[in-house]
Amino acid sequence: MNLRQLRYVVATADHGTMTSAAQALYVAQPALSRAVRELERELGVELFQRSGRGVALTEVGEQVVRKARVALEAVDAIEGLAVTRSNGRGADLRIAVTATLEPELTGRLLPRFARDQPAVRVRVIRCEDRDRVAAALRAGRADLALTDLPVPGDMTAHPFEQREVVLISPPALKMREPVPVHALDGMRLVLPARGSPRRAEIDTVLRRVGATPVAAVESDERGAWLGWVRAGMGSLLWYRNQIDDTEGVTVRSFMPPITRMTGIVHAHRKLPPAARDFLTFAKDTARDAH
């Protein structure tokens, strides 16, 4: 048994899938899976029940994760005592994030922050929605969070970025531009699967504009969404800054614009130095983008 295995097990428990845990830890998914299996063989127990959609802790797995958290926190505290670089800023920074904002955090913010603060080790805690984010902050499992605003009144929010929701359609679909929001009523859409965090976000947007579309496809296979749009199966509502490839599709804004504000959030408590550094970095990043 080693600390790497314990970190992988705890991350898998936090994220619900080994793929998401590997992304949060910046390791290859096969390496993480192999380390978890090796620990299970060493202990002679099954820590996770595998399914097509993810993993769930077994009863003994829950006990192991509880004790692993205690052990890792103790190790981190010991390491923190030895850190002299950056005025003691070499401890862990734990950031909670919703599923739809995780690419923004891990793909855009964290690589740049890591270059500026190489002594800080960041843990990403993936949460299904804003309520889970707030719960992680209240429980002290996260120092900061990147989430949609608004948040409950017992949280401190720092606006980060306004995201525009756009309509991604097959080129053959002729529409006014910008698209009037009432045009969404009855439109055939490619939608995330029912009950998923991404679907909850889109449903919130649709309720806000009072539109009821027709579900042409319902799937969480995000990598296939644009392919279905190109095939003419329906249009897609998504965030402009998260569209990687616009070839073969048409991207249109709405009138009035549909936007959602994101923010860096924390509980009403004193932030550790690394969290304060990240908050300053995020504010500077948002300011530079405008």
Foldseek 3Di string as FASTA:
>chain_A
DDLVLLQLLLLLQLAQALVVSCLQQVHDSVVSVVSPVVVCVVVVHDQWDDDPVGTHGDPVNVVSNVVSVVVVVVVLVVVLVVDDPPNSLLGEAEEEEEPVCVCVCSVPQVVVVCVVPVSYHYGYRYDQALVVRVVCQVVVVHAKYKHFDDHDPQKDWDWFDKWFKKKKAAPVDDADFQHELQVQAAFEEAEEAPPGSRRVVVVVLCVVSVHDYHHLHYHPPVVCRVVCRLVRSGMYIDTPVPDDDNPRIDIGAYVVIRIIIITMMHGPDDGDPNVVVSNVVSNVVRVVVD
